[in-house]
Amino acid sequence: MTIGLWAAVIGSTLAWSGFDVIRKRLVHAHSTRILAFWLSLAQLPGYLIWGTFAGWGRIAPEYWLPASISVVLNLAANLLFLEAVRRGPLSVTIPVLSFTPVFVAVFSGPLLGEYLNGGQWCGVFVVTAGALFLTAPRGVRKNPIALVLAFIRAPGVLQMLGVALLWAATPLFDKMALRAASVPIHGGTLALTGAAGMLLFLVVKKELHALPLSWFSSRWILGGGFANVAALGLQLVSISVMVVSEFESFKRAAGVLLSLLLGASIFGEKISRAHAFAAFTIAVGVIAVLNPI
């Protein structure tokens, strides 16, 4: 990859980790629906600035179908993500997103014609095993059945597994949409429709009274909006020129390591040697996906 592409991939990964921290800070102050609305709306200024300076480009007719699917998947994934980090610690829930490359590998073949070879599939398996081991208590790590049961029962894990499934599909539809529209148009469309969809839901649920925010929350949400623009925008730039499964594998491996670091330093979450070993295992698996034998 070129230096510019590496910068986009690394920048997106760091921005996603920062956005994770912001969402974790906010989930205990507001409902997931309120946060989903404001965090979607807060992205619009960033995309308006991007489009104004970089140019908007044109929208081809074939844009709307994949974009519409991406909107629905993103909205569902964002709600599940907020609920997952509300229930479980960042260092446990975020690593579950390492399952995303597995789902991407399954979906990208029939949708984009991007097939993995045997070495890359081995890497995907190692990433999955590392994520499974990372979420398990010490006493069940030698029992495969207990390992799986502990994984399923861990707080926030099932919700984040749903996020991993949804986020595996969204980049594929995003890539198809980017063949017919620019990054600021597609990113702005996701933000605007996401906010509109959540506003409609709040009207139906009669929760509009909960929309006003405190000054503390307003600052974090504004920062979250720009972090999300950087994260998603650079992700869209990256996947428009590289294989989606490779991007997701790198992002998830780095995200696992960052979630351990940020969870311990910001939220006081305890990180054991087993956590560190599992994170290393995931990183090795990602290297195999990026550089197959």
Protein backbone atom coordinates (compact mmCIF):
# COMPACT_ATOMS: atom_id res chain seq x y z
CA MET A 1 0.00 0.00 0.00
CA THR A 2 1.09 3.59 -0.57
CA ILE A 3 2.00 5.95 2.27
CA GLY A 4 -1.19 7.93 1.68
CA LEU A 5 -3.34 4.80 1.90
CA TRP A 6 -1.58 3.65 5.07
CA ALA A 7 -2.21 7.11 6.56
CA ALA A 8 -5.91 6.81 5.74
CA VAL A 9 -6.17 3.30 7.24
CA ILE A 10 -4.27 4.20 10.42
CA GLY A 11 -6.10 7.52 10.75
CA SER A 12 -9.46 5.79 10.44
CA THR A 13 -8.49 3.19 13.05
CA LEU A 14 -7.35 5.81 15.56
CA ALA A 15 -10.45 7.92 14.97
CA TRP A 16 -12.74 4.89 15.52
CA SER A 17 -11.01 4.19 18.84
CA GLY A 18 -11.46 7.78 19.92
CA PHE A 19 -15.12 7.63 18.91
CA ASP A 20 -15.52 4.43 20.97
CA VAL A 21 -14.28 6.25 24.07
CA ILE A 22 -16.68 9.15 23.48
CA ARG A 23 -19.64 6.81 23.09
CA LYS A 24 -18.65 4.89 26.22
CA ARG A 25 -18.59 8.16 28.18
CA LEU A 26 -22.05 9.14 26.97
CA VAL A 27 -24.04 5.89 27.16
CA HIS A 28 -24.83 6.18 30.86
CA ALA A 29 -26.16 9.74 30.54
CA HIS A 30 -28.65 9.27 27.69
CA SER A 31 -30.72 6.57 26.00
CA THR A 32 -29.28 4.82 22.97
CA ARG A 33 -31.93 6.39 20.72
CA ILE A 34 -31.15 9.94 21.88
CA LEU A 35 -27.42 9.38 21.43
CA ALA A 36 -27.88 7.81 17.99
CA PHE A 37 -29.83 10.89 16.86
CA TRP A 38 -27.35 13.47 18.14
CA LEU A 39 -24.23 11.59 17.06
CA SER A 40 -25.66 11.25 13.54
CA LEU A 41 -26.63 14.92 13.38
CA ALA A 42 -23.23 16.03 14.71
CA GLN A 43 -21.51 14.53 11.66
CA LEU A 44 -23.17 16.89 9.17
CA PRO A 45 -20.88 19.93 9.73
CA GLY A 46 -17.81 17.78 9.07
CA TYR A 47 -19.15 16.44 5.78
CA LEU A 48 -20.33 19.91 4.72
CA ILE A 49 -16.80 21.24 5.26
CA TRP A 50 -15.31 18.24 3.43
CA GLY A 51 -17.63 18.59 0.44
CA THR A 52 -17.16 22.36 0.25
CA PHE A 53 -13.38 22.18 0.05
CA ALA A 54 -12.89 18.83 -1.75
CA GLY A 55 -15.89 19.02 -4.09
CA TRP A 56 -19.18 17.13 -4.06
CA GLY A 57 -19.09 15.35 -7.41
CA ARG A 58 -22.16 13.77 -8.99
CA ILE A 59 -24.55 11.01 -7.98
CA ALA A 60 -25.18 8.21 -10.48
CA PRO A 61 -28.57 6.45 -10.47
CA GLU A 62 -27.07 3.15 -9.26
CA TYR A 63 -26.03 4.87 -6.00
CA TRP A 64 -29.37 4.75 -4.23
CA LEU A 65 -29.91 1.01 -3.73
CA PRO A 66 -26.60 0.18 -1.97
CA ALA A 67 -26.74 3.51 -0.11
CA SER A 68 -30.23 2.76 1.22
CA ILE A 69 -29.15 -0.68 2.45
CA SER A 70 -26.09 0.85 4.11
CA VAL A 71 -28.26 3.45 5.88
CA VAL A 72 -30.49 0.78 7.44
CA LEU A 73 -27.57 -1.44 8.47
CA ASN A 74 -25.63 1.49 9.98
CA LEU A 75 -28.61 2.69 11.99
CA ALA A 76 -29.22 -0.77 13.48
CA ALA A 77 -25.51 -1.29 14.17
CA ASN A 78 -25.12 2.07 15.93
CA LEU A 79 -28.02 1.32 18.26
CA LEU A 80 -26.65 -2.14 19.09
CA PHE A 81 -23.15 -0.72 19.63
CA LEU A 82 -24.35 1.84 22.16
CA GLU A 83 -26.29 -0.84 24.04
CA ALA A 84 -23.26 -3.18 24.03
CA VAL A 85 -20.84 -0.64 25.55
CA ARG A 86 -23.53 0.34 28.05
CA ARG A 87 -23.67 -3.27 29.32
CA GLY A 88 -20.04 -4.38 29.13
CA PRO A 89 -16.50 -2.99 29.54
CA LEU A 90 -14.72 -1.54 26.51
CA SER A 91 -11.87 -4.06 26.75
CA VAL A 92 -14.34 -6.97 26.41
CA THR A 93 -16.96 -5.67 23.98
CA ILE A 94 -14.71 -3.99 21.39
CA PRO A 95 -12.60 -7.14 20.76
CA VAL A 96 -15.80 -8.96 19.75
CA LEU A 97 -15.72 -6.77 16.64
CA SER A 98 -12.76 -8.90 15.56
CA PHE A 99 -15.41 -11.24 14.19
CA THR A 100 -16.13 -8.61 11.54
CA PRO A 101 -13.35 -9.81 9.18
CA VAL A 102 -14.82 -13.31 9.34
CA PHE A 103 -18.21 -12.05 8.22
CA VAL A 104 -16.60 -9.72 5.65
CA ALA A 105 -14.73 -12.65 4.12
CA VAL A 106 -18.00 -14.56 3.79
CA PHE A 107 -19.91 -11.64 2.25
CA SER A 108 -17.25 -10.03 0.05
CA GLY A 109 -16.90 -13.04 -2.26
CA PRO A 110 -20.46 -13.11 -3.65
CA LEU A 111 -21.00 -9.33 -3.43
CA LEU A 112 -17.67 -7.91 -4.64
CA GLY A 113 -15.76 -10.88 -6.05
CA GLU A 114 -13.02 -10.41 -3.41
CA TYR A 115 -12.18 -13.97 -2.33
CA LEU A 116 -9.67 -14.98 0.35
CA ASN A 117 -7.14 -17.77 -0.16
CA GLY A 118 -6.24 -20.56 2.25
CA GLY A 119 -3.59 -18.60 4.15
CA GLN A 120 -5.92 -15.69 4.67
CA TRP A 121 -8.67 -17.99 5.94
CA CYS A 122 -6.18 -19.34 8.51
CA GLY A 123 -5.60 -15.76 9.62
CA VAL A 124 -9.32 -15.19 9.96
CA PHE A 125 -9.56 -18.33 12.13
CA VAL A 126 -6.77 -17.12 14.41
CA VAL A 127 -8.43 -13.71 14.78
CA THR A 128 -11.67 -15.42 15.75
CA ALA A 129 -9.99 -17.75 18.26
CA GLY A 130 -8.16 -14.83 19.86
CA ALA A 131 -11.36 -12.82 20.22
CA LEU A 132 -13.14 -15.82 21.75
CA PHE A 133 -10.33 -16.39 24.25
CA LEU A 134 -10.18 -12.69 25.13
CA THR A 135 -13.76 -12.56 26.40
CA ALA A 136 -13.64 -15.77 28.46
CA PRO A 137 -13.06 -15.99 32.24
CA ARG A 138 -9.89 -17.76 33.38
CA GLY A 139 -11.62 -20.90 34.64
CA VAL A 140 -13.20 -21.96 31.33
CA ARG A 141 -10.41 -21.39 28.81
CA LYS A 142 -9.50 -25.09 28.56
CA ASN A 143 -13.07 -26.27 28.01
CA PRO A 144 -14.34 -25.48 24.47
CA ILE A 145 -18.03 -25.75 25.36
CA ALA A 146 -17.66 -23.65 28.51
CA LEU A 147 -15.59 -21.20 26.47
CA VAL A 148 -18.40 -20.65 23.98
CA LEU A 149 -21.05 -20.43 26.72
CA ALA A 150 -19.00 -17.88 28.65
CA PHE A 151 -18.58 -15.87 25.47
CA ILE A 152 -22.32 -15.80 24.81
CA ARG A 153 -23.17 -14.86 28.40
CA ALA A 154 -20.61 -12.06 28.77
CA PRO A 155 -22.32 -8.63 29.20
CA GLY A 156 -22.74 -6.83 25.88
CA VAL A 157 -21.17 -9.59 23.80
CA LEU A 158 -24.25 -10.74 21.89
CA GLN A 159 -25.14 -7.15 21.05
CA MET A 160 -21.60 -6.50 19.80
CA LEU A 161 -21.64 -9.73 17.81
CA GLY A 162 -24.71 -8.33 16.05
CA VAL A 163 -22.75 -5.14 15.40
CA ALA A 164 -19.90 -7.19 13.92
CA LEU A 165 -22.34 -8.91 11.56
CA LEU A 166 -23.94 -5.64 10.46
CA TRP A 167 -20.62 -3.81 10.12
CA ALA A 168 -19.28 -6.64 8.01
CA ALA A 169 -21.99 -5.97 5.45
CA THR A 170 -22.03 -2.15 5.53
CA PRO A 171 -18.52 -1.59 4.05
CA LEU A 172 -19.41 -3.83 1.13
CA PHE A 173 -22.49 -1.76 0.30
CA ASP A 174 -20.51 1.41 1.01
CA LYS A 175 -17.94 0.34 -1.58
CA MET A 176 -20.67 -0.26 -4.15
CA ALA A 177 -22.19 3.14 -3.32
CA LEU A 178 -18.81 4.88 -3.70
CA ARG A 179 -18.65 3.71 -7.29
CA ALA A 180 -21.54 6.10 -7.95
CA ALA A 181 -20.95 9.00 -5.52
CA SER A 182 -18.20 10.87 -3.63
CA VAL A 183 -17.17 10.29 -0.01
CA PRO A 184 -18.72 13.52 1.38
CA ILE A 185 -22.01 12.81 -0.41
CA HIS A 186 -22.23 9.25 0.88
CA GLY A 187 -21.04 10.11 4.39
CA GLY A 188 -23.43 13.04 4.57
CA THR A 189 -26.28 10.86 3.32
CA LEU A 190 -25.61 8.28 6.04
CA ALA A 191 -25.51 10.99 8.71
CA LEU A 192 -28.61 12.87 7.55
CA THR A 193 -30.79 9.81 7.01
CA GLY A 194 -29.59 8.27 10.28
CA ALA A 195 -30.60 11.39 12.20
CA ALA A 196 -33.94 11.62 10.37
CA GLY A 197 -34.71 7.96 11.02
CA MET A 198 -33.97 8.27 14.74
CA LEU A 199 -36.01 11.49 14.97
CA LEU A 200 -39.00 9.72 13.46
CA PHE A 201 -38.54 6.87 15.93
CA LEU A 202 -38.41 9.35 18.85
CA VAL A 203 -41.62 10.97 17.64
CA VAL A 204 -43.37 7.59 17.50
CA LYS A 205 -42.06 6.66 20.97
CA LYS A 206 -42.97 10.14 22.31
CA GLU A 207 -39.43 10.73 23.59
CA LEU A 208 -38.79 14.18 22.11
CA HIS A 209 -38.77 15.65 25.61
CA ALA A 210 -35.43 13.88 26.21
CA LEU A 211 -33.64 15.58 23.30
CA PRO A 212 -32.16 18.60 25.17
CA LEU A 213 -28.56 18.01 26.22
CA SER A 214 -26.37 19.31 29.01
CA TRP A 215 -23.30 21.41 28.19
CA PHE A 216 -21.11 18.44 29.13
CA SER A 217 -22.90 16.10 26.72
CA SER A 218 -23.04 18.71 23.95
CA ARG A 219 -19.25 19.07 23.90
CA TRP A 220 -18.69 15.31 23.81
CA ILE A 221 -21.29 14.80 21.09
CA LEU A 222 -19.79 17.57 18.93
CA GLY A 223 -16.38 15.96 19.35
CA GLY A 224 -17.93 12.57 18.58
CA GLY A 225 -19.43 13.94 15.38
CA PHE A 226 -16.06 15.09 14.04
CA ALA A 227 -14.36 11.88 15.24
CA ASN A 228 -16.98 9.87 13.37
CA VAL A 229 -16.49 11.92 10.20
CA ALA A 230 -12.74 11.28 10.37
CA ALA A 231 -13.25 7.58 11.14
CA LEU A 232 -15.92 6.82 8.55
CA GLY A 233 -14.63 9.26 5.96
CA LEU A 234 -11.11 7.83 5.96
CA GLN A 235 -12.60 4.33 6.00
CA LEU A 236 -14.61 5.12 2.87
CA VAL A 237 -11.49 6.50 1.20
CA SER A 238 -9.57 3.35 2.14
CA ILE A 239 -12.11 0.74 1.04
CA SER A 240 -12.68 2.52 -2.26
CA VAL A 241 -9.17 1.45 -3.36
CA MET A 242 -8.37 -1.68 -1.30
CA VAL A 243 -9.91 -5.04 -0.47
CA VAL A 244 -12.55 -4.56 2.23
CA SER A 245 -11.58 -7.66 4.23
CA GLU A 246 -7.96 -6.49 4.46
CA PHE A 247 -9.01 -3.08 5.76
CA GLU A 248 -11.39 -4.58 8.32
CA SER A 249 -8.78 -7.04 9.55
CA PHE A 250 -6.20 -4.33 10.17
CA LYS A 251 -8.74 -2.01 11.79
CA ARG A 252 -10.07 -4.68 14.12
CA ALA A 253 -6.65 -5.92 15.22
CA ALA A 254 -5.45 -2.41 16.00
CA GLY A 255 -8.82 -1.68 17.59
CA VAL A 256 -8.42 -4.64 19.97
CA LEU A 257 -5.03 -3.40 21.16
CA LEU A 258 -6.30 0.16 21.53
CA SER A 259 -9.41 -0.97 23.41
CA LEU A 260 -7.23 -2.69 26.02
CA LEU A 261 -5.04 0.39 26.36
CA LEU A 262 -7.91 2.89 26.48
CA GLY A 263 -10.09 0.71 28.70
CA ALA A 264 -7.29 0.45 31.27
CA SER A 265 -6.07 4.06 31.11
CA ILE A 266 -9.42 5.89 30.86
CA PHE A 267 -12.01 3.60 32.46
CA GLY A 268 -9.78 1.69 34.92
CA GLU A 269 -10.52 -1.73 33.41
CA LYS A 270 -8.17 -4.50 34.55
CA ILE A 271 -6.05 -6.13 31.83
CA SER A 272 -4.54 -9.54 32.59
CA ARG A 273 -1.69 -11.39 30.87
CA ALA A 274 -4.29 -13.58 29.19
CA HIS A 275 -5.88 -10.46 27.68
CA ALA A 276 -2.50 -9.36 26.35
CA PHE A 277 -1.79 -12.83 24.92
CA ALA A 278 -5.19 -12.95 23.20
CA ALA A 279 -4.61 -9.49 21.72
CA PHE A 280 -1.23 -10.65 20.39
CA THR A 281 -2.90 -13.74 18.89
CA ILE A 282 -5.41 -11.55 17.10
CA ALA A 283 -2.60 -9.36 15.73
CA VAL A 284 -0.82 -12.44 14.38
CA GLY A 285 -4.03 -13.54 12.68
CA VAL A 286 -4.42 -10.16 11.05
CA ILE A 287 -0.87 -10.28 9.70
CA ALA A 288 -1.78 -13.61 8.09
CA VAL A 289 -4.85 -12.03 6.50
CA LEU A 290 -2.86 -9.07 5.18
CA ASN A 291 0.18 -11.10 4.11
CA PRO A 292 -0.97 -14.62 3.20
CA ILE A 293 1.59 -17.38 2.81
